[in-house]
């Protein structure tokens, strides 16, 4: 249970009141306030009503009687919201967080999760009005002292600025974010020790691999100031092949888990390149690899640990898809309806691929 000193400190900061101001309100010294917040002393019972009045809270909240129960209720909301998110039920996800925010309007974690949910929902619907998101995020940044929530909020706010077309605001906010070399992980990478340290390093390695593959994708499609692709088509094909080679090198056991997505997209582009050149044998080879990656992405056990040495024992977890859909279903819809690849349907290998996809595909 949170101490009364910690509660006073939190409520004081939420109200943007200094120790000196609070001391003046109560007719005591600022040193007395400091002693409370460090839990060296506690306020006299006669001062409780005045503190409740200043902070506009009940005595139960001030004394921490309801805090634990509220935290349990808050966590239940967040868990239910996360479950809806994992199912791709975006509107329900936002709705339950709105309900939680009404019941706990001062909880910054709920506020940030709601803002993030709205960005997710609005971007999918093409909505450009993000004023509610801006209000929530700016309130968090002006009141919240938890650095983790603040940085998460800055990221959400920056994304919202981007979708709303507020480029200047987005770039200004980006300048306030710490550079990679100032991150917790980068600081701790040579300081982690023992079993827990090994797990932290593996989690960081998984993050770095994912970011590396993502950055290759970004580079492949990067344009110069005139809108012209920087890499030629041939160079982009080389980068796609490099991405596949990198995956095979990092995951020699074939346990790509979440990162199978990158193999699927890269092999698809290589397939289309050979197909348009009418090199059908090589096209088929890459089409089959593309299906392999898609099926893997949809069938691996989310809780299963890697066997590949660099991540041995680490499990990625699942990927959030659209409600009840998956990669294999999307690929199946494309290959069975796109007239451009109709010629493939006469080949005996086609039905084999279709059967593999159908075995794991899920209708949205």
Foldseek 3Di string as FASTA:
>chain_A
DDALLCLLVQLCLLVPHQLCRVCVQQVHHSVVNVCSNVVVDHDDPVCQVSSCVVSVHDSCVSRVVCVVVLVVVLVVLVVVLVVCQLQQVLVVSLVSLVVVCVVVVPDLVSLQSNLLSCLVVCVVVLHQDSVVSVVSLVSCCSRPPPVVSNLSSLVSVLSSCVSNVVVVVNVVSVVVDDDPCPDPCNVCLVPQDDDVSLLSNLVVVVVVLVVVLVVLVVLLQDAPPVRHRPDDPVVSLVSLVVSLVVQCVQQVVPLCAQVLVSVLVSLQSVLVVCVVVVVVVVNVVSVVSNLVSQLSNQDDDQPDFGCRVSGGPDGDGHDRDHRFFGSLQVVLVCCVPPPSNVVVVVDPVVVVSNVSSVVRGTDD
